[in-house]
Amino acid sequence: ILRHEIKPHNLTFMIRNNKRSLQAKNFCIRLGQVSRSFVRIAPGIREV
């Protein structure tokens, strides 16, 4: 359900036109690192 609501091209469009685009990019990178470490800590959740 969430995948249909969040459209990647709309998200990149918003980030591109955002005055704080660099901040948003850094936030996305940080979010990716957190999710990656979370998958490392709890790999079982991915299979549920």
PDB file of N, CA and C in Angstrom:
ATOM      1  N   ILE A   1       0.848  -1.207   0.000  1.00  0.00           N
ATOM      2  CA  ILE A   1       0.000   0.000   0.000  1.00  0.00           C
ATOM      3  C   ILE A   1       0.885   1.260   0.000  1.00  0.00           C
ATOM      4  N   LEU A   2       1.906   1.254   0.848  1.00  0.00           N
ATOM      5  CA  LEU A   2       2.787   2.421   0.946  1.00  0.00           C
ATOM      6  C   LEU A   2       3.555   2.652  -0.350  1.00  0.00           C
ATOM      7  N   ARG A   3       3.915   1.584  -1.035  1.00  0.00           N
ATOM      8  CA  ARG A   3       4.685   1.718  -2.276  1.00  0.00           C
ATOM      9  C   ARG A   3       3.907   2.465  -3.343  1.00  0.00           C
ATOM     10  N   HIS A   4       2.587   2.289  -3.352  1.00  0.00           N
ATOM     11  CA  HIS A   4       1.766   2.997  -4.332  1.00  0.00           C
ATOM     12  C   HIS A   4       1.622   4.466  -3.963  1.00  0.00           C
ATOM     13  N   GLU A   5       1.605   4.762  -2.661  1.00  0.00           N
ATOM     14  CA  GLU A   5       1.443   6.140  -2.208  1.00  0.00           C
ATOM     15  C   GLU A   5       2.718   6.952  -2.443  1.00  0.00           C
ATOM     16  N   ILE A   6       3.863   6.332  -2.218  1.00  0.00           N
ATOM     17  CA  ILE A   6       5.142   7.021  -2.395  1.00  0.00           C
ATOM     18  C   ILE A   6       5.656   6.765  -3.814  1.00  0.00           C
ATOM     19  N   LYS A   7       5.664   7.818  -4.621  1.00  0.00           N
ATOM     20  CA  LYS A   7       6.166   7.684  -5.993  1.00  0.00           C
ATOM     21  C   LYS A   7       7.585   8.257  -6.048  1.00  0.00           C
ATOM     22  N   PRO A   8       8.563   7.456  -6.468  1.00  0.00           N
ATOM     23  CA  PRO A   8       9.968   7.885  -6.452  1.00  0.00           C
ATOM     24  C   PRO A   8      10.214   9.154  -7.256  1.00  0.00           C
ATOM     25  N   HIS A   9       9.585   9.281  -8.426  1.00  0.00           N
ATOM     26  CA  HIS A   9       9.835  10.458  -9.271  1.00  0.00           C
ATOM     27  C   HIS A   9       9.277  11.720  -8.627  1.00  0.00           C
ATOM     28  N   ASN A  10       8.164  11.592  -7.884  1.00  0.00           N
ATOM     29  CA  ASN A  10       7.627  12.740  -7.151  1.00  0.00           C
ATOM     30  C   ASN A  10       8.562  13.138  -6.010  1.00  0.00           C
ATOM     31  N   LEU A  11       9.142  12.143  -5.358  1.00  0.00           N
ATOM     32  CA  LEU A  11      10.045  12.383  -4.243  1.00  0.00           C
ATOM     33  C   LEU A  11      11.308  13.101  -4.725  1.00  0.00           C
ATOM     34  N   THR A  12      11.884  12.631  -5.826  1.00  0.00           N
ATOM     35  CA  THR A  12      13.093  13.267  -6.365  1.00  0.00           C
ATOM     36  C   THR A  12      12.775  14.673  -6.855  1.00  0.00           C
ATOM     37  N   PHE A  13      11.575  14.865  -7.408  1.00  0.00           N
ATOM     38  CA  PHE A  13      11.137  16.181  -7.870  1.00  0.00           C
ATOM     39  C   PHE A  13      11.055  17.154  -6.698  1.00  0.00           C
ATOM     40  N   MET A  14      10.505  16.674  -5.591  1.00  0.00           N
ATOM     41  CA  MET A  14      10.393  17.499  -4.383  1.00  0.00           C
ATOM     42  C   MET A  14      11.768  17.838  -3.825  1.00  0.00           C
ATOM     43  N   ILE A  15      12.642  16.845  -3.771  1.00  0.00           N
ATOM     44  CA  ILE A  15      13.993  17.051  -3.228  1.00  0.00           C
ATOM     45  C   ILE A  15      14.784  18.007  -4.122  1.00  0.00           C
ATOM     46  N   ARG A  16      14.607  17.893  -5.425  1.00  0.00           N
ATOM     47  CA  ARG A  16      15.332  18.739  -6.372  1.00  0.00           C
ATOM     48  C   ARG A  16      14.934  20.203  -6.211  1.00  0.00           C
ATOM     49  N   ASN A  17      13.637  20.440  -6.000  1.00  0.00           N
ATOM     50  CA  ASN A  17      13.141  21.807  -5.883  1.00  0.00           C
ATOM     51  C   ASN A  17      13.162  22.323  -4.447  1.00  0.00           C
ATOM     52  N   ASN A  18      13.629  21.487  -3.540  1.00  0.00           N
ATOM     53  CA  ASN A  18      13.696  21.893  -2.136  1.00  0.00           C
ATOM     54  C   ASN A  18      14.906  22.788  -1.922  1.00  0.00           C
ATOM     55  N   LYS A  19      14.716  23.883  -1.182  1.00  0.00           N
ATOM     56  CA  LYS A  19      15.835  24.780  -0.877  1.00  0.00           C
ATOM     57  C   LYS A  19      16.868  24.086  -0.013  1.00  0.00           C
ATOM     58  N   ARG A  20      16.406  23.114   0.770  1.00  0.00           N
ATOM     59  CA  ARG A  20      17.327  22.346   1.616  1.00  0.00           C
ATOM     60  C   ARG A  20      17.560  20.966   1.010  1.00  0.00           C
ATOM     61  N   SER A  21      17.796  20.934  -0.291  1.00  0.00           N
ATOM     62  CA  SER A  21      17.932  19.649  -0.992  1.00  0.00           C
ATOM     63  C   SER A  21      19.130  18.859  -0.467  1.00  0.00           C
ATOM     64  N   LEU A  22      20.206  19.561  -0.156  1.00  0.00           N
ATOM     65  CA  LEU A  22      21.405  18.890   0.354  1.00  0.00           C
ATOM     66  C   LEU A  22      21.107  18.241   1.707  1.00  0.00           C
ATOM     67  N   GLN A  23      20.363  18.975   2.553  1.00  0.00           N
ATOM     68  CA  GLN A  23      19.986  18.452   3.870  1.00  0.00           C
ATOM     69  C   GLN A  23      19.101  17.217   3.718  1.00  0.00           C
ATOM     70  N   ALA A  24      18.183  17.291   2.766  1.00  0.00           N
ATOM     71  CA  ALA A  24      17.288  16.161   2.512  1.00  0.00           C
ATOM     72  C   ALA A  24      18.083  14.958   2.014  1.00  0.00           C
ATOM     73  N   LYS A  25      19.072  15.227   1.163  1.00  0.00           N
ATOM     74  CA  LYS A  25      19.901  14.140   0.626  1.00  0.00           C
ATOM     75  C   LYS A  25      20.699  13.478   1.743  1.00  0.00           C
ATOM     76  N   ASN A  26      21.263  14.295   2.608  1.00  0.00           N
ATOM     77  CA  ASN A  26      22.018  13.762   3.741  1.00  0.00           C
ATOM     78  C   ASN A  26      21.119  12.951   4.660  1.00  0.00           C
ATOM     79  N   PHE A  27      19.883  13.408   4.827  1.00  0.00           N
ATOM     80  CA  PHE A  27      18.914  12.693   5.660  1.00  0.00           C
ATOM     81  C   PHE A  27      18.606  11.325   5.057  1.00  0.00           C
ATOM     82  N   CYS A  28      18.440  11.283   3.733  1.00  0.00           N
ATOM     83  CA  CYS A  28      18.161  10.015   3.042  1.00  0.00           C
ATOM     84  C   CYS A  28      19.335   9.058   3.182  1.00  0.00           C
ATOM     85  N   ILE A  29      20.543   9.587   3.055  1.00  0.00           N
ATOM     86  CA  ILE A  29      21.748   8.761   3.194  1.00  0.00           C
ATOM     87  C   ILE A  29      21.835   8.206   4.611  1.00  0.00           C
ATOM     88  N   ARG A  30      21.546   9.071   5.607  1.00  0.00           N
ATOM     89  CA  ARG A  30      21.584   8.645   7.005  1.00  0.00           C
ATOM     90  C   ARG A  30      20.518   7.588   7.265  1.00  0.00           C
ATOM     91  N   LEU A  31      19.339   7.801   6.675  1.00  0.00           N
ATOM     92  CA  LEU A  31      18.230   6.858   6.834  1.00  0.00           C
ATOM     93  C   LEU A  31      18.610   5.499   6.245  1.00  0.00           C
ATOM     94  N   GLY A  32      19.288   5.518   5.094  1.00  0.00           N
ATOM     95  CA  GLY A  32      19.735   4.288   4.459  1.00  0.00           C
ATOM     96  C   GLY A  32      20.755   3.546   5.310  1.00  0.00           C
ATOM     97  N   GLN A  33      21.660   4.306   5.938  1.00  0.00           N
ATOM     98  CA  GLN A  33      22.665   3.682   6.801  1.00  0.00           C
ATOM     99  C   GLN A  33      22.007   3.051   8.019  1.00  0.00           C
ATOM    100  N   VAL A  34      21.019   3.746   8.586  1.00  0.00           N
ATOM    101  CA  VAL A  34      20.313   3.238   9.768  1.00  0.00           C
ATOM    102  C   VAL A  34      19.556   1.959   9.419  1.00  0.00           C
ATOM    103  N   SER A  35      18.860   1.972   8.271  1.00  0.00           N
ATOM    104  CA  SER A  35      18.091   0.793   7.863  1.00  0.00           C
ATOM    105  C   SER A  35      19.028  -0.384   7.564  1.00  0.00           C
ATOM    106  N   ARG A  36      20.187  -0.081   7.000  1.00  0.00           N
ATOM    107  CA  ARG A  36      21.155  -1.133   6.682  1.00  0.00           C
ATOM    108  C   ARG A  36      21.683  -1.774   7.966  1.00  0.00           C
ATOM    109  N   SER A  37      22.001  -0.928   8.946  1.00  0.00           N
ATOM    110  CA  SER A  37      22.508  -1.452  10.221  1.00  0.00           C
ATOM    111  C   SER A  37      21.402  -2.213  10.956  1.00  0.00           C
ATOM    112  N   PHE A  38      20.156  -1.751  10.799  1.00  0.00           N
ATOM    113  CA  PHE A  38      19.019  -2.426  11.431  1.00  0.00           C
ATOM    114  C   PHE A  38      18.830  -3.812  10.829  1.00  0.00           C
ATOM    115  N   VAL A  39      19.006  -3.922   9.522  1.00  0.00           N
ATOM    116  CA  VAL A  39      18.892  -5.225   8.846  1.00  0.00           C
ATOM    117  C   VAL A  39      20.009  -6.149   9.335  1.00  0.00           C
ATOM    118  N   ARG A  40      21.185  -5.572   9.597  1.00  0.00           N
ATOM    119  CA  ARG A  40      22.303  -6.366  10.107  1.00  0.00           C
ATOM    120  C   ARG A  40      22.000  -6.879  11.514  1.00  0.00           C
ATOM    121  N   ILE A  41      21.382  -6.008  12.326  1.00  0.00           N
ATOM    122  CA  ILE A  41      21.078  -6.377  13.716  1.00  0.00           C
ATOM    123  C   ILE A  41      19.946  -7.410  13.762  1.00  0.00           C
ATOM    124  N   ALA A  42      18.895  -7.172  12.986  1.00  0.00           N
ATOM    125  CA  ALA A  42      17.723  -8.051  13.011  1.00  0.00           C
ATOM    126  C   ALA A  42      17.377  -8.544  11.605  1.00  0.00           C
ATOM    127  N   PRO A  43      18.143  -9.518  11.084  1.00  0.00           N
ATOM    128  CA  PRO A  43      17.888 -10.009   9.721  1.00  0.00           C
ATOM    129  C   PRO A  43      16.603 -10.821   9.608  1.00  0.00           C
ATOM    130  N   GLY A  44      16.102 -11.325  10.742  1.00  0.00           N
ATOM    131  CA  GLY A  44      14.891 -12.142  10.726  1.00  0.00           C
ATOM    132  C   GLY A  44      13.658 -11.354  10.325  1.00  0.00           C
ATOM    133  N   ILE A  45      13.657 -10.050  10.594  1.00  0.00           N
ATOM    134  CA  ILE A  45      12.484  -9.220  10.297  1.00  0.00           C
ATOM    135  C   ILE A  45      12.256  -9.147   8.786  1.00  0.00           C
ATOM    136  N   ARG A  46      13.351  -9.189   8.024  1.00  0.00           N
ATOM    137  CA  ARG A  46      13.242  -9.103   6.568  1.00  0.00           C
ATOM    138  C   ARG A  46      12.455 -10.294   5.998  1.00  0.00           C
ATOM    139  N   GLU A  47      12.582 -11.438   6.639  1.00  0.00           N
ATOM    140  CA  GLU A  47      11.944 -12.650   6.119  1.00  0.00           C
ATOM    141  C   GLU A  47      10.498 -12.807   6.580  1.00  0.00           C
ATOM    142  N   VAL A  48      10.092 -12.026   7.557  1.00  0.00           N
ATOM    143  CA  VAL A  48       8.721 -12.138   8.096  1.00  0.00           C
ATOM    144  C   VAL A  48       7.717 -11.679   7.030  1.00  0.00           C
TER     145      VAL A  48
END
